[in-house]
Amino acid sequence: MPDAEPGPDGKYGGYIEGKSDDKATVDKTPYGHLRKVFYRMGLNDEEIVALSGAHTMGRAHKDRSGLGAEKTKLTDGSPVEAGGGKKVDNYRVGGSAWTEKWLKFDNSYFTTVPDSKADPELLKLSTDKTLFDDEGFKPFAEKFRDSQDAFFESYKKAHKKLSELGSKFEPEGGIKI
């Protein structure tokens, strides 16, 4: 999610080159920014929250998004639990994870984000926390926190819808792996 934290001007998002201002994703709030990004793709609040749950897996890397730590105790090369109880130790070291088992797809993102006792090295961006604060997002975030099955059901529909939109993303220099 680009611009998950406010820029120096205190605003989230940006302007899209060559597009009119009504296509901008700029907003003073994280929830407004999320809606501006995803509503223009035809996604609703439930789908936005469900897709945010993809943060259950993966990490943010400072050299890619500007967010996250160089590495944490969860991304230092030590084995990480993946699905099925398997351990993985051959991954690129670094970044900040949203969940402790960042290679396992489940609903732990929704149990971790609102947990004030969660490991402080876990990433909790403004666009993550707003899911539990905003009145439109909150019912879905709580539903997915309480039911992994409900999360999986909504996620698969939202992911399919997003995937069917296609992609025109062509970053300068190509996609870095």
N, C-alpha and C. Protein backbone atom coordinates (compact mmCIF):
# COMPACT_ATOMS: atom_id res chain seq x y z
N MET A 1 0.85 -1.18 0.00
CA MET A 1 0.00 0.00 0.00
C MET A 1 0.89 1.23 0.00
N PRO A 2 0.91 1.97 -1.07
CA PRO A 2 1.73 3.18 -1.06
C PRO A 2 1.15 4.22 -0.11
N ASP A 3 2.04 5.00 0.47
CA ASP A 3 1.64 6.12 1.32
C ASP A 3 0.82 5.69 2.53
N ALA A 4 1.25 4.62 3.20
CA ALA A 4 0.54 4.11 4.37
C ALA A 4 0.76 4.99 5.60
N GLU A 5 1.70 5.91 5.50
CA GLU A 5 1.94 6.91 6.55
C GLU A 5 1.92 8.28 5.89
N PRO A 6 1.59 9.32 6.66
CA PRO A 6 1.52 10.66 6.06
C PRO A 6 2.89 11.18 5.63
N GLY A 7 2.86 11.99 4.59
CA GLY A 7 4.09 12.63 4.12
C GLY A 7 4.41 13.84 4.97
N PRO A 8 5.43 14.59 4.61
CA PRO A 8 5.84 15.78 5.38
C PRO A 8 4.73 16.83 5.52
N ASP A 9 3.79 16.82 4.57
CA ASP A 9 2.68 17.77 4.62
C ASP A 9 1.52 17.28 5.49
N GLY A 10 1.69 16.08 6.11
CA GLY A 10 0.66 15.53 6.97
C GLY A 10 -0.46 14.82 6.23
N LYS A 11 -0.29 14.64 4.93
CA LYS A 11 -1.32 14.00 4.12
C LYS A 11 -0.85 12.64 3.61
N TYR A 12 -1.83 11.78 3.41
CA TYR A 12 -1.59 10.45 2.84
C TYR A 12 -1.86 10.53 1.34
N GLY A 13 -1.17 9.69 0.58
CA GLY A 13 -1.46 9.59 -0.83
C GLY A 13 -0.75 10.60 -1.69
N GLY A 14 -1.14 10.62 -2.94
CA GLY A 14 -0.50 11.53 -3.88
C GLY A 14 -1.35 11.76 -5.09
N TYR A 15 -0.76 12.47 -6.01
CA TYR A 15 -1.43 12.76 -7.27
C TYR A 15 -0.89 11.80 -8.32
N ILE A 16 -1.73 11.44 -9.24
CA ILE A 16 -1.35 10.50 -10.29
C ILE A 16 -0.98 11.32 -11.52
N GLU A 17 0.24 11.17 -11.95
CA GLU A 17 0.75 11.93 -13.08
C GLU A 17 -0.12 11.73 -14.31
N GLY A 18 -0.48 12.84 -14.93
CA GLY A 18 -1.29 12.77 -16.13
C GLY A 18 -2.77 12.56 -15.89
N LYS A 19 -3.20 12.52 -14.63
CA LYS A 19 -4.61 12.31 -14.30
C LYS A 19 -5.16 13.58 -13.66
N SER A 20 -6.46 13.74 -13.74
CA SER A 20 -7.09 14.90 -13.12
C SER A 20 -7.04 14.77 -11.60
N ASP A 21 -7.21 15.89 -10.89
CA ASP A 21 -7.14 15.88 -9.43
C ASP A 21 -8.17 14.96 -8.79
N ASP A 22 -9.28 14.71 -9.47
CA ASP A 22 -10.28 13.82 -8.88
C ASP A 22 -9.81 12.37 -8.85
N LYS A 23 -8.69 12.07 -9.51
CA LYS A 23 -8.10 10.73 -9.48
C LYS A 23 -7.03 10.62 -8.39
N ALA A 24 -6.79 11.71 -7.69
CA ALA A 24 -5.76 11.72 -6.65
C ALA A 24 -6.18 10.84 -5.47
N THR A 25 -5.18 10.34 -4.76
CA THR A 25 -5.44 9.53 -3.57
C THR A 25 -5.12 10.29 -2.30
N VAL A 26 -4.94 11.60 -2.41
CA VAL A 26 -4.57 12.45 -1.28
C VAL A 26 -5.71 12.57 -0.29
N ASP A 27 -5.39 12.42 0.99
CA ASP A 27 -6.37 12.62 2.05
C ASP A 27 -5.62 12.93 3.34
N LYS A 28 -6.30 13.59 4.26
CA LYS A 28 -5.71 13.93 5.55
C LYS A 28 -5.77 12.76 6.53
N THR A 29 -6.52 11.72 6.17
CA THR A 29 -6.72 10.58 7.07
C THR A 29 -6.32 9.27 6.40
N PRO A 30 -5.90 8.29 7.18
CA PRO A 30 -5.57 7.00 6.57
C PRO A 30 -6.80 6.30 5.99
N TYR A 31 -7.96 6.42 6.65
CA TYR A 31 -9.16 5.76 6.13
C TYR A 31 -9.63 6.43 4.84
N GLY A 32 -9.51 7.74 4.74
CA GLY A 32 -9.87 8.43 3.52
C GLY A 32 -8.96 8.04 2.37
N HIS A 33 -7.68 7.93 2.67
CA HIS A 33 -6.71 7.52 1.65
C HIS A 33 -7.01 6.11 1.15
N LEU A 34 -7.26 5.17 2.07
CA LEU A 34 -7.59 3.80 1.66
C LEU A 34 -8.80 3.78 0.73
N ARG A 35 -9.81 4.55 1.10
CA ARG A 35 -11.02 4.56 0.27
C ARG A 35 -10.74 5.19 -1.10
N LYS A 36 -9.94 6.24 -1.14
CA LYS A 36 -9.64 6.86 -2.43
C LYS A 36 -8.85 5.92 -3.33
N VAL A 37 -7.97 5.13 -2.75
CA VAL A 37 -7.21 4.16 -3.55
C VAL A 37 -8.12 3.05 -4.06
N PHE A 38 -8.92 2.47 -3.18
CA PHE A 38 -9.67 1.27 -3.54
C PHE A 38 -11.07 1.52 -4.11
N TYR A 39 -11.72 2.59 -3.71
CA TYR A 39 -13.05 2.86 -4.28
C TYR A 39 -12.95 3.10 -5.78
N ARG A 40 -11.86 3.73 -6.24
CA ARG A 40 -11.73 4.00 -7.68
C ARG A 40 -11.58 2.70 -8.47
N MET A 41 -11.30 1.60 -7.77
CA MET A 41 -11.22 0.28 -8.42
C MET A 41 -12.52 -0.49 -8.25
N GLY A 42 -13.51 0.13 -7.63
CA GLY A 42 -14.80 -0.52 -7.45
C GLY A 42 -14.87 -1.43 -6.24
N LEU A 43 -13.92 -1.30 -5.30
CA LEU A 43 -13.91 -2.13 -4.10
C LEU A 43 -14.62 -1.41 -2.96
N ASN A 44 -15.27 -2.18 -2.10
CA ASN A 44 -16.00 -1.59 -0.97
C ASN A 44 -15.22 -1.78 0.34
N ASP A 45 -15.79 -1.32 1.45
CA ASP A 45 -15.10 -1.36 2.74
C ASP A 45 -14.74 -2.79 3.16
N GLU A 46 -15.65 -3.73 2.98
CA GLU A 46 -15.35 -5.12 3.35
C GLU A 46 -14.16 -5.63 2.54
N GLU A 47 -14.14 -5.34 1.25
CA GLU A 47 -13.06 -5.81 0.39
C GLU A 47 -11.73 -5.14 0.74
N ILE A 48 -11.79 -3.86 1.11
CA ILE A 48 -10.57 -3.15 1.52
C ILE A 48 -9.98 -3.81 2.76
N VAL A 49 -10.82 -4.09 3.73
CA VAL A 49 -10.35 -4.72 4.97
C VAL A 49 -9.83 -6.13 4.69
N ALA A 50 -10.56 -6.88 3.89
CA ALA A 50 -10.12 -8.24 3.57
C ALA A 50 -8.76 -8.22 2.87
N LEU A 51 -8.58 -7.35 1.88
CA LEU A 51 -7.30 -7.28 1.18
C LEU A 51 -6.18 -6.81 2.10
N SER A 52 -6.50 -5.96 3.05
CA SER A 52 -5.48 -5.53 4.03
C SER A 52 -4.97 -6.72 4.82
N GLY A 53 -5.81 -7.74 4.99
CA GLY A 53 -5.42 -8.95 5.70
C GLY A 53 -4.31 -9.72 5.01
N ALA A 54 -4.00 -9.38 3.77
CA ALA A 54 -2.86 -10.01 3.09
C ALA A 54 -1.56 -9.68 3.80
N HIS A 55 -1.58 -8.62 4.62
CA HIS A 55 -0.39 -8.28 5.40
C HIS A 55 -0.06 -9.35 6.43
N THR A 56 -0.95 -10.32 6.61
CA THR A 56 -0.63 -11.47 7.44
C THR A 56 0.68 -12.09 6.97
N MET A 57 0.89 -12.04 5.67
CA MET A 57 2.12 -12.58 5.07
C MET A 57 3.00 -11.43 4.61
N GLY A 58 4.28 -11.67 4.64
CA GLY A 58 5.21 -10.72 4.06
C GLY A 58 5.74 -9.68 5.02
N ARG A 59 6.51 -8.78 4.43
CA ARG A 59 7.19 -7.75 5.21
C ARG A 59 7.25 -6.46 4.41
N ALA A 60 7.49 -5.38 5.12
CA ALA A 60 7.75 -4.08 4.48
C ALA A 60 9.25 -3.86 4.55
N HIS A 61 9.82 -3.44 3.44
CA HIS A 61 11.25 -3.18 3.36
C HIS A 61 11.49 -1.69 3.13
N LYS A 62 12.31 -1.11 3.96
CA LYS A 62 12.59 0.31 3.88
C LYS A 62 13.08 0.72 2.50
N ASP A 63 13.89 -0.11 1.85
CA ASP A 63 14.43 0.24 0.53
C ASP A 63 13.37 0.18 -0.57
N ARG A 64 12.21 -0.37 -0.27
CA ARG A 64 11.14 -0.45 -1.28
C ARG A 64 10.02 0.54 -1.00
N SER A 65 9.56 0.57 0.22
CA SER A 65 8.41 1.41 0.56
C SER A 65 8.77 2.60 1.44
N GLY A 66 9.98 2.59 1.96
CA GLY A 66 10.36 3.65 2.90
C GLY A 66 9.90 3.35 4.32
N LEU A 67 9.23 2.22 4.51
CA LEU A 67 8.70 1.86 5.82
C LEU A 67 9.30 0.55 6.28
N GLY A 68 9.35 0.37 7.58
CA GLY A 68 9.88 -0.85 8.14
C GLY A 68 11.32 -0.69 8.59
N ALA A 69 11.75 -1.64 9.39
CA ALA A 69 13.11 -1.63 9.93
C ALA A 69 14.06 -2.33 8.97
N GLU A 70 15.33 -2.10 9.16
CA GLU A 70 16.35 -2.81 8.38
C GLU A 70 16.15 -4.31 8.56
N LYS A 71 15.97 -4.73 9.81
CA LYS A 71 15.59 -6.10 10.14
C LYS A 71 15.13 -6.11 11.58
N THR A 72 14.43 -7.16 11.95
CA THR A 72 13.95 -7.34 13.32
C THR A 72 14.30 -8.75 13.77
N LYS A 73 14.00 -9.06 15.02
CA LYS A 73 14.27 -10.41 15.50
C LYS A 73 13.44 -11.46 14.75
N LEU A 74 12.37 -11.01 14.08
CA LEU A 74 11.52 -11.93 13.32
C LEU A 74 11.97 -12.05 11.87
N THR A 75 12.89 -11.19 11.43
CA THR A 75 13.32 -11.20 10.03
C THR A 75 14.84 -11.21 9.92
N ASP A 76 15.49 -11.78 10.91
CA ASP A 76 16.96 -11.75 10.99
C ASP A 76 17.64 -12.97 10.38
N GLY A 77 16.87 -13.82 9.71
CA GLY A 77 17.43 -15.03 9.12
C GLY A 77 17.12 -16.29 9.91
N SER A 78 16.59 -16.11 11.12
CA SER A 78 16.18 -17.27 11.92
C SER A 78 15.01 -17.96 11.25
N PRO A 79 14.86 -19.27 11.46
CA PRO A 79 13.73 -19.98 10.84
C PRO A 79 12.38 -19.36 11.20
N VAL A 80 11.50 -19.32 10.21
CA VAL A 80 10.16 -18.76 10.37
C VAL A 80 9.16 -19.87 10.08
N GLU A 81 8.13 -19.95 10.93
CA GLU A 81 7.10 -20.97 10.71
C GLU A 81 6.23 -20.58 9.52
N ALA A 82 6.03 -21.52 8.64
CA ALA A 82 5.14 -21.34 7.49
C ALA A 82 3.93 -22.25 7.69
N GLY A 83 3.04 -22.29 6.73
CA GLY A 83 1.87 -23.15 6.83
C GLY A 83 2.25 -24.60 7.03
N GLY A 84 1.42 -25.33 7.72
CA GLY A 84 1.64 -26.75 7.95
C GLY A 84 2.74 -27.05 8.95
N GLY A 85 3.15 -26.05 9.72
CA GLY A 85 4.18 -26.25 10.72
C GLY A 85 5.59 -26.32 10.17
N LYS A 86 5.74 -26.10 8.87
CA LYS A 86 7.08 -26.13 8.26
C LYS A 86 7.85 -24.88 8.66
N LYS A 87 9.16 -25.02 8.73
CA LYS A 87 10.05 -23.90 9.03
C LYS A 87 10.82 -23.53 7.76
N VAL A 88 10.98 -22.24 7.54
CA VAL A 88 11.71 -21.74 6.38
C VAL A 88 12.86 -20.89 6.89
N ASP A 89 14.05 -21.13 6.37
CA ASP A 89 15.21 -20.34 6.80
C ASP A 89 16.03 -19.80 5.62
N ASN A 90 15.51 -19.95 4.42
CA ASN A 90 16.24 -19.47 3.25
C ASN A 90 15.52 -18.29 2.59
N TYR A 91 15.32 -17.24 3.35
CA TYR A 91 14.64 -16.05 2.85
C TYR A 91 15.58 -14.85 2.92
N ARG A 92 15.24 -13.81 2.17
CA ARG A 92 16.02 -12.58 2.21
C ARG A 92 15.85 -11.94 3.59
N VAL A 93 16.91 -11.74 4.29
CA VAL A 93 16.88 -11.16 5.63
C VAL A 93 16.44 -9.71 5.54
N GLY A 94 15.67 -9.30 6.52
CA GLY A 94 15.32 -7.88 6.65
C GLY A 94 13.85 -7.58 6.54
N GLY A 95 13.56 -6.32 6.79
CA GLY A 95 12.20 -5.82 6.73
C GLY A 95 11.48 -5.98 8.05
N SER A 96 10.27 -5.47 8.07
CA SER A 96 9.39 -5.56 9.24
C SER A 96 8.14 -6.33 8.86
N ALA A 97 7.79 -7.30 9.67
CA ALA A 97 6.59 -8.12 9.44
C ALA A 97 5.42 -7.56 10.24
N TRP A 98 4.22 -7.84 9.77
CA TRP A 98 3.01 -7.46 10.49
C TRP A 98 2.63 -8.53 11.51
N THR A 99 3.08 -9.78 11.27
CA THR A 99 2.72 -10.89 12.15
C THR A 99 3.97 -11.72 12.47
N GLU A 100 3.90 -12.45 13.54
CA GLU A 100 5.05 -13.26 13.95
C GLU A 100 5.34 -14.39 12.97
N LYS A 101 4.30 -14.99 12.43
CA LYS A 101 4.47 -16.10 11.47
C LYS A 101 4.13 -15.55 10.08
N TRP A 102 5.00 -14.69 9.58
CA TRP A 102 4.73 -13.92 8.37
C TRP A 102 4.80 -14.71 7.07
N LEU A 103 4.97 -16.02 7.15
CA LEU A 103 4.89 -16.89 5.97
C LEU A 103 3.66 -17.80 6.03
N LYS A 104 2.80 -17.57 6.97
CA LYS A 104 1.60 -18.38 7.15
C LYS A 104 0.37 -17.50 6.91
N PHE A 105 -0.48 -17.92 5.98
CA PHE A 105 -1.69 -17.15 5.67
C PHE A 105 -2.81 -17.57 6.60
N ASP A 106 -3.19 -16.65 7.47
CA ASP A 106 -4.29 -16.87 8.40
C ASP A 106 -4.85 -15.51 8.77
N ASN A 107 -5.61 -15.41 9.84
CA ASN A 107 -6.20 -14.13 10.23
C ASN A 107 -5.39 -13.43 11.33
N SER A 108 -4.14 -13.80 11.52
CA SER A 108 -3.35 -13.22 12.62
C SER A 108 -3.12 -11.72 12.47
N TYR A 109 -3.16 -11.20 11.26
CA TYR A 109 -3.06 -9.74 11.07
C TYR A 109 -4.16 -9.05 11.88
N PHE A 110 -5.37 -9.61 11.84
CA PHE A 110 -6.51 -8.99 12.51
C PHE A 110 -6.49 -9.20 14.02
N THR A 111 -5.73 -10.18 14.50
CA THR A 111 -5.60 -10.34 15.95
C THR A 111 -4.42 -9.54 16.48
N THR A 112 -3.43 -9.29 15.63
CA THR A 112 -2.22 -8.57 16.04
C THR A 112 -2.40 -7.06 16.05
N VAL A 113 -3.00 -6.51 15.01
CA VAL A 113 -3.11 -5.05 14.88
C VAL A 113 -3.76 -4.40 16.10
N PRO A 114 -4.89 -4.90 16.61
CA PRO A 114 -5.51 -4.24 17.76
C PRO A 114 -4.91 -4.62 19.12
N ASP A 115 -3.97 -5.55 19.12
CA ASP A 115 -3.40 -6.06 20.38
C ASP A 115 -2.29 -5.14 20.89
N SER A 116 -2.56 -4.42 21.94
CA SER A 116 -1.57 -3.49 22.50
C SER A 116 -0.38 -4.22 23.13
N LYS A 117 -0.54 -5.53 23.37
CA LYS A 117 0.55 -6.31 23.97
C LYS A 117 1.36 -7.08 22.92
N ALA A 118 1.04 -6.87 21.63
CA ALA A 118 1.77 -7.56 20.56
C ALA A 118 3.22 -7.10 20.56
N ASP A 119 4.09 -7.93 20.05
CA ASP A 119 5.52 -7.63 19.95
C ASP A 119 5.70 -6.25 19.33
N PRO A 120 6.42 -5.35 19.99
CA PRO A 120 6.61 -3.99 19.47
C PRO A 120 7.40 -3.93 18.17
N GLU A 121 8.08 -5.01 17.80
CA GLU A 121 8.80 -5.03 16.53
C GLU A 121 7.89 -5.33 15.34
N LEU A 122 6.64 -5.71 15.61
CA LEU A 122 5.71 -5.94 14.52
C LEU A 122 5.23 -4.59 13.97
N LEU A 123 5.03 -4.55 12.69
CA LEU A 123 4.64 -3.32 12.00
C LEU A 123 3.15 -3.07 12.16
N LYS A 124 2.82 -1.85 12.56
CA LYS A 124 1.42 -1.42 12.65
C LYS A 124 1.37 -0.01 12.08
N LEU A 125 1.03 0.08 10.81
CA LEU A 125 0.97 1.36 10.13
C LEU A 125 -0.37 2.04 10.40
N SER A 126 -0.44 3.31 10.12
CA SER A 126 -1.69 4.05 10.30
C SER A 126 -2.81 3.44 9.48
N THR A 127 -2.49 2.99 8.27
CA THR A 127 -3.52 2.38 7.43
C THR A 127 -3.94 1.00 7.94
N ASP A 128 -3.15 0.39 8.81
CA ASP A 128 -3.54 -0.86 9.46
C ASP A 128 -4.46 -0.55 10.66
N LYS A 129 -4.01 0.35 11.50
CA LYS A 129 -4.75 0.67 12.72
C LYS A 129 -6.12 1.27 12.45
N THR A 130 -6.25 2.00 11.34
CA THR A 130 -7.53 2.64 11.04
C THR A 130 -8.63 1.63 10.79
N LEU A 131 -8.27 0.40 10.44
CA LEU A 131 -9.28 -0.62 10.19
C LEU A 131 -10.09 -0.92 11.44
N PHE A 132 -9.49 -0.68 12.61
CA PHE A 132 -10.19 -0.93 13.88
C PHE A 132 -10.74 0.36 14.49
N ASP A 133 -10.48 1.49 13.85
CA ASP A 133 -10.96 2.78 14.37
C ASP A 133 -12.11 3.35 13.56
N ASP A 134 -12.06 3.19 12.26
CA ASP A 134 -13.06 3.76 11.37
C ASP A 134 -14.36 2.95 11.46
N GLU A 135 -15.47 3.64 11.59
CA GLU A 135 -16.76 2.96 11.78
C GLU A 135 -17.18 2.10 10.58
N GLY A 136 -16.73 2.45 9.38
CA GLY A 136 -17.06 1.64 8.21
C GLY A 136 -16.22 0.38 8.10
N PHE A 137 -14.97 0.47 8.51
CA PHE A 137 -14.06 -0.67 8.43
C PHE A 137 -14.16 -1.61 9.64
N LYS A 138 -14.40 -1.03 10.79
CA LYS A 138 -14.32 -1.76 12.07
C LYS A 138 -15.15 -3.05 12.13
N PRO A 139 -16.42 -3.04 11.67
CA PRO A 139 -17.19 -4.30 11.77
C PRO A 139 -16.54 -5.46 11.02
N PHE A 140 -15.90 -5.17 9.89
CA PHE A 140 -15.26 -6.22 9.11
C PHE A 140 -13.95 -6.66 9.77
N ALA A 141 -13.19 -5.70 10.27
CA ALA A 141 -11.93 -6.04 10.95
C ALA A 141 -12.21 -6.93 12.17
N GLU A 142 -13.24 -6.59 12.92
CA GLU A 142 -13.59 -7.41 14.09
C GLU A 142 -14.13 -8.78 13.68
N LYS A 143 -14.90 -8.81 12.61
CA LYS A 143 -15.42 -10.08 12.10
C LYS A 143 -14.27 -11.00 11.69
N PHE A 144 -13.28 -10.44 10.99
CA PHE A 144 -12.14 -11.24 10.52
C PHE A 144 -11.21 -11.61 11.67
N ARG A 145 -11.15 -10.77 12.70
CA ARG A 145 -10.37 -11.11 13.90
C ARG A 145 -10.99 -12.32 14.58
N ASP A 146 -12.31 -12.35 14.61
CA ASP A 146 -13.03 -13.40 15.33
C ASP A 146 -13.25 -14.67 14.53
N SER A 147 -13.14 -14.59 13.20
CA SER A 147 -13.41 -15.76 12.37
C SER A 147 -12.47 -15.82 11.17
N GLN A 148 -11.55 -16.76 11.23
CA GLN A 148 -10.64 -16.96 10.10
C GLN A 148 -11.42 -17.40 8.87
N ASP A 149 -12.45 -18.21 9.05
CA ASP A 149 -13.26 -18.65 7.91
C ASP A 149 -13.93 -17.46 7.22
N ALA A 150 -14.45 -16.52 8.01
CA ALA A 150 -15.08 -15.33 7.42
C ALA A 150 -14.04 -14.51 6.66
N PHE A 151 -12.85 -14.39 7.22
CA PHE A 151 -11.78 -13.68 6.53
C PHE A 151 -11.44 -14.37 5.21
N PHE A 152 -11.22 -15.67 5.24
CA PHE A 152 -10.87 -16.42 4.03
C PHE A 152 -11.96 -16.25 2.95
N GLU A 153 -13.21 -16.33 3.35
CA GLU A 153 -14.32 -16.21 2.39
C GLU A 153 -14.32 -14.82 1.74
N SER A 154 -14.20 -13.79 2.53
CA SER A 154 -14.19 -12.43 1.98
C SER A 154 -12.92 -12.16 1.19
N TYR A 155 -11.80 -12.67 1.69
CA TYR A 155 -10.53 -12.43 1.00
C TYR A 155 -10.52 -13.04 -0.40
N LYS A 156 -10.99 -14.27 -0.52
CA LYS A 156 -10.93 -14.91 -1.84
C LYS A 156 -11.78 -14.15 -2.85
N LYS A 157 -12.91 -13.63 -2.44
CA LYS A 157 -13.76 -12.85 -3.35
C LYS A 157 -13.09 -11.52 -3.71
N ALA A 158 -12.53 -10.84 -2.72
CA ALA A 158 -11.89 -9.55 -2.96
C ALA A 158 -10.64 -9.70 -3.81
N HIS A 159 -9.86 -10.75 -3.54
CA HIS A 159 -8.63 -10.99 -4.30
C HIS A 159 -8.98 -11.29 -5.77
N LYS A 160 -10.00 -12.08 -5.98
CA LYS A 160 -10.44 -12.39 -7.34
C LYS A 160 -10.86 -11.12 -8.06
N LYS A 161 -11.65 -10.30 -7.39
CA LYS A 161 -12.12 -9.04 -7.99
C LYS A 161 -10.94 -8.13 -8.33
N LEU A 162 -10.01 -7.99 -7.42
CA LEU A 162 -8.83 -7.16 -7.65
C LEU A 162 -7.99 -7.72 -8.80
N SER A 163 -7.79 -9.01 -8.82
CA SER A 163 -6.99 -9.65 -9.87
C SER A 163 -7.61 -9.47 -11.25
N GLU A 164 -8.91 -9.50 -11.31
CA GLU A 164 -9.59 -9.36 -12.59
C GLU A 164 -9.52 -7.95 -13.16
N LEU A 165 -9.12 -6.99 -12.33
CA LEU A 165 -8.95 -5.62 -12.80
C LEU A 165 -7.72 -5.48 -13.68
N GLY A 166 -6.78 -6.40 -13.53
CA GLY A 166 -5.54 -6.34 -14.29
C GLY A 166 -4.56 -5.37 -13.65
N SER A 167 -3.44 -5.16 -14.33
CA SER A 167 -2.41 -4.27 -13.80
C SER A 167 -1.76 -3.49 -14.93
N LYS A 168 -1.53 -2.22 -14.64
CA LYS A 168 -0.80 -1.36 -15.57
C LYS A 168 0.45 -0.83 -14.88
N PHE A 169 0.87 -1.51 -13.83
CA PHE A 169 2.00 -1.08 -13.01
C PHE A 169 3.30 -1.44 -13.70
N GLU A 170 4.03 -0.43 -14.13
CA GLU A 170 5.32 -0.64 -14.77
C GLU A 170 6.33 0.33 -14.16
N PRO A 171 6.90 -0.05 -13.02
CA PRO A 171 7.85 0.85 -12.35
C PRO A 171 9.11 1.06 -13.17
N GLU A 172 9.65 2.25 -13.06
CA GLU A 172 10.91 2.55 -13.75
C GLU A 172 11.97 1.58 -13.28
N GLY A 173 12.65 0.96 -14.20
CA GLY A 173 13.68 -0.03 -13.85
C GLY A 173 13.14 -1.43 -13.65
N GLY A 174 11.83 -1.62 -13.82
CA GLY A 174 11.23 -2.94 -13.67
C GLY A 174 10.91 -3.29 -12.22
N ILE A 175 10.38 -4.46 -12.03
CA ILE A 175 10.03 -4.95 -10.70
C ILE A 175 11.23 -5.64 -10.10
N LYS A 176 11.59 -5.24 -8.87
CA LYS A 176 12.75 -5.81 -8.19
C LYS A 176 12.31 -6.95 -7.30
N ILE A 177 13.07 -8.02 -7.35
CA ILE A 177 12.73 -9.19 -6.53
C ILE A 177 13.73 -9.28 -5.40
